[in-house]
């Protein structure tokens, strides 16, 4: 059990992003959920509170392929589910990091402009399906993609920031999705 509480019923997807992900000094616009309007409530998006810091993050948004309220429940067996997403996915950036067909995607996109020259996001990836389906034909996937101007020159184009640290080379990251 993750020891978290989850709320996915009171705000729209856009409101969850604005309230629980974006801090001061950042302006967001053009928030989209699964390539459509984010001005809706959806069971796949909510907020979590982790008073014991079991996730390492005290609060934030939670995204899932099913009803995210399940994250606050006991994981007593393989293949548990509650609700579901929209069927097969079509996000090209997410598809680029997994060899498997995407089902029940949960894609949140937005434009942002920071006041300063640095922006920081903390994230944790978890899966109810780990470990019974790991490296099989069904896997949960997570990507954190950045597109737009690179302050050092050029542009980012769906640059995945969610990379795994290389245990053999501190400070370097693997390309493993």
Protein backbone atom coordinates (compact mmCIF):
# COMPACT_ATOMS: atom_id res chain seq x y z
CA UNK A 1 0.00 0.00 0.00
CA UNK A 2 1.41 3.34 -1.01
CA UNK A 3 0.09 5.13 2.11
CA UNK A 4 -1.28 7.98 0.04
CA UNK A 5 -4.65 9.63 -0.22
CA UNK A 6 -6.01 10.45 -3.64
CA UNK A 7 -8.65 12.87 -4.90
CA UNK A 8 -9.77 12.64 -8.50
CA UNK A 9 -13.29 13.96 -8.23
CA UNK A 10 -13.25 17.66 -7.37
CA UNK A 11 -11.24 19.45 -10.09
CA UNK A 12 -10.79 19.41 -13.84
CA UNK A 13 -7.60 18.02 -15.35
CA UNK A 14 -6.43 21.59 -16.02
CA UNK A 15 -7.14 22.62 -12.42
CA UNK A 16 -5.17 19.64 -11.05
CA UNK A 17 -2.19 20.63 -13.22
CA UNK A 18 -2.38 24.29 -12.21
CA UNK A 19 -2.91 23.57 -8.50
CA UNK A 20 -0.66 20.56 -7.85
CA UNK A 21 2.07 20.59 -10.52
CA UNK A 22 2.80 24.19 -11.45
CA UNK A 23 4.44 26.37 -8.82
CA UNK A 24 4.89 30.09 -8.58
CA UNK A 25 6.81 31.82 -11.33
CA UNK A 26 5.43 29.62 -14.12
CA UNK A 27 2.62 30.49 -16.50
CA UNK A 28 0.84 27.68 -18.33
CA UNK A 29 -1.55 27.65 -21.28
CA UNK A 30 -3.02 25.28 -23.86
CA UNK A 31 -3.56 22.43 -21.36
CA UNK A 32 -4.79 19.30 -23.12
CA UNK A 33 -5.81 15.84 -21.95
CA UNK A 34 -5.46 12.95 -24.42
CA UNK A 35 -5.34 15.49 -27.28
CA UNK A 36 -8.62 17.09 -26.21
CA UNK A 37 -9.97 19.51 -23.67
CA UNK A 38 -8.52 19.47 -20.15
CA UNK A 39 -11.53 21.38 -18.84
CA UNK A 40 -13.04 18.07 -17.73
CA UNK A 41 -12.85 15.82 -14.71
CA UNK A 42 -11.43 12.38 -15.51
CA UNK A 43 -10.78 9.41 -13.22
CA UNK A 44 -7.27 9.04 -14.68
CA UNK A 45 -6.06 12.37 -13.24
CA UNK A 46 -6.08 13.58 -9.65
CA UNK A 47 -4.07 14.83 -6.72
CA UNK A 48 -2.26 12.80 -4.08
CA UNK A 49 -1.12 13.54 -0.55
CA UNK A 50 1.70 11.48 0.98
CA UNK A 51 2.20 12.63 4.57
CA UNK A 52 4.78 9.87 5.27
CA UNK A 53 6.81 10.69 2.12
CA UNK A 54 6.75 7.02 1.03
CA UNK A 55 6.92 8.26 -2.57
CA UNK A 56 9.50 10.92 -1.73
CA UNK A 57 7.08 13.67 -2.75
CA UNK A 58 4.62 15.17 -0.25
CA UNK A 59 1.86 15.98 -2.76
CA UNK A 60 1.26 16.39 -6.45
CA UNK A 61 -0.71 15.17 -9.41
CA UNK A 62 -1.25 11.51 -10.15
CA UNK A 63 -1.84 10.16 -13.65
CA UNK A 64 -2.92 6.62 -14.45
CA UNK A 65 -4.16 4.22 -17.08
CA UNK A 66 -7.22 3.59 -14.90
CA UNK A 67 -8.96 5.18 -11.95
CA UNK A 68 -6.14 6.76 -9.88
CA UNK A 69 -8.10 6.35 -6.64
CA UNK A 70 -6.80 2.77 -6.78
CA UNK A 71 -3.35 4.05 -5.75
CA UNK A 72 -4.64 4.51 -2.20
CA UNK A 73 -5.84 0.90 -1.97
CA UNK A 74 -4.05 -2.31 -1.04
CA UNK A 75 -2.37 -4.13 -3.92
CA UNK A 76 -3.38 -7.66 -2.98
CA UNK A 77 -2.95 -9.42 -6.31
CA UNK A 78 -2.00 -9.21 -9.92
CA UNK A 79 -4.06 -7.49 -12.55
CA UNK A 80 -6.26 -5.36 -10.33
CA UNK A 81 -8.20 -2.68 -12.11
CA UNK A 82 -10.72 0.02 -11.45
CA UNK A 83 -12.05 1.92 -14.38
CA UNK A 84 -10.00 2.35 -17.46
CA UNK A 85 -8.76 4.74 -20.02
CA UNK A 86 -9.82 5.34 -23.56
CA UNK A 87 -8.68 2.12 -25.23
CA UNK A 88 -5.76 2.17 -27.64
CA UNK A 89 -3.43 5.14 -27.52
CA UNK A 90 -1.97 7.22 -30.30
CA UNK A 91 0.59 9.55 -28.69
CA UNK A 92 3.69 9.33 -30.89
CA UNK A 93 6.17 10.43 -28.18
CA UNK A 94 4.92 7.80 -25.74
CA UNK A 95 4.82 5.16 -28.48
CA UNK A 96 8.49 5.89 -29.22
CA UNK A 97 9.62 4.54 -25.82
CA UNK A 98 7.76 1.22 -25.74
CA UNK A 99 7.66 -1.68 -28.20
CA UNK A 100 4.13 -2.54 -27.04
CA UNK A 101 0.76 -1.24 -28.16
CA UNK A 102 -0.48 1.55 -25.90
CA UNK A 103 -3.78 1.01 -24.14
CA UNK A 104 -5.58 3.38 -21.80
CA UNK A 105 -3.17 6.27 -22.32
CA UNK A 106 -3.18 9.25 -20.02
CA UNK A 107 -1.42 12.13 -21.76
CA UNK A 108 -1.38 15.64 -20.32
CA UNK A 109 0.25 18.37 -22.41
CA UNK A 110 0.67 22.08 -21.79
CA UNK A 111 2.77 25.06 -22.78
CA UNK A 112 4.70 26.83 -20.03
CA UNK A 113 6.88 29.87 -19.59
CA UNK A 114 9.01 30.19 -16.44
CA UNK A 115 9.90 33.60 -15.02
CA UNK A 116 13.49 32.46 -14.46
CA UNK A 117 15.95 30.34 -16.42
CA UNK A 118 15.36 27.03 -14.60
CA UNK A 119 12.39 24.75 -14.11
CA UNK A 120 12.26 21.61 -12.01
CA UNK A 121 9.79 18.71 -11.89
CA UNK A 122 9.90 15.82 -9.43
CA UNK A 123 8.21 12.60 -10.48
CA UNK A 124 7.80 8.99 -9.41
CA UNK A 125 6.77 6.17 -11.73
CA UNK A 126 4.85 3.30 -10.20
CA UNK A 127 2.86 0.47 -11.66
CA UNK A 128 0.24 -1.80 -10.13
CA UNK A 129 1.28 -4.32 -12.80
CA UNK A 130 4.87 -4.56 -11.60
CA UNK A 131 6.17 -7.22 -11.25
CA UNK A 132 3.74 -9.67 -12.79
CA UNK A 133 3.98 -8.21 -16.30
CA UNK A 134 7.47 -6.67 -16.38
CA UNK A 135 9.29 -7.20 -19.71
CA UNK A 136 6.22 -8.91 -21.15
CA UNK A 137 3.87 -7.94 -23.92
CA UNK A 138 1.92 -5.63 -21.56
CA UNK A 139 3.81 -2.89 -19.74
CA UNK A 140 3.01 0.45 -18.21
CA UNK A 141 5.09 3.24 -19.73
CA UNK A 142 5.97 6.73 -18.54
CA UNK A 143 7.59 9.58 -20.37
CA UNK A 144 8.14 13.23 -19.53
CA UNK A 145 8.65 14.97 -22.86
CA UNK A 146 9.90 18.51 -23.49
CA UNK A 147 9.56 20.36 -26.80
CA UNK A 148 10.48 23.96 -27.51
CA UNK A 149 13.45 26.31 -27.41
CA UNK A 150 16.63 25.06 -25.76
CA UNK A 151 18.28 27.91 -23.83
CA UNK A 152 21.64 26.57 -25.02
CA UNK A 153 20.58 26.81 -28.65
CA UNK A 154 18.34 24.89 -31.00
CA UNK A 155 15.12 23.23 -29.96
CA UNK A 156 14.00 20.27 -27.93
CA UNK A 157 11.72 17.92 -29.86
CA UNK A 158 9.89 15.46 -27.62
CA UNK A 159 13.02 15.11 -25.47
CA UNK A 160 12.24 12.45 -22.83
CA UNK A 161 13.39 13.72 -19.43
CA UNK A 162 12.28 10.56 -17.60
CA UNK A 163 15.45 8.52 -17.97
CA UNK A 164 16.87 5.91 -15.63
CA UNK A 165 20.17 6.73 -13.88
CA UNK A 166 22.98 4.43 -15.04
CA UNK A 167 24.17 2.56 -11.92
CA UNK A 168 27.60 1.99 -13.47
CA UNK A 169 28.15 5.63 -14.44
CA UNK A 170 26.93 8.15 -11.84
CA UNK A 171 25.64 11.33 -13.46
CA UNK A 172 24.78 9.52 -16.71
CA UNK A 173 21.44 8.05 -17.73
CA UNK A 174 20.46 4.97 -19.69
CA UNK A 175 18.25 5.13 -22.73
CA UNK A 176 16.08 2.40 -21.24
CA UNK A 177 12.43 3.47 -21.36
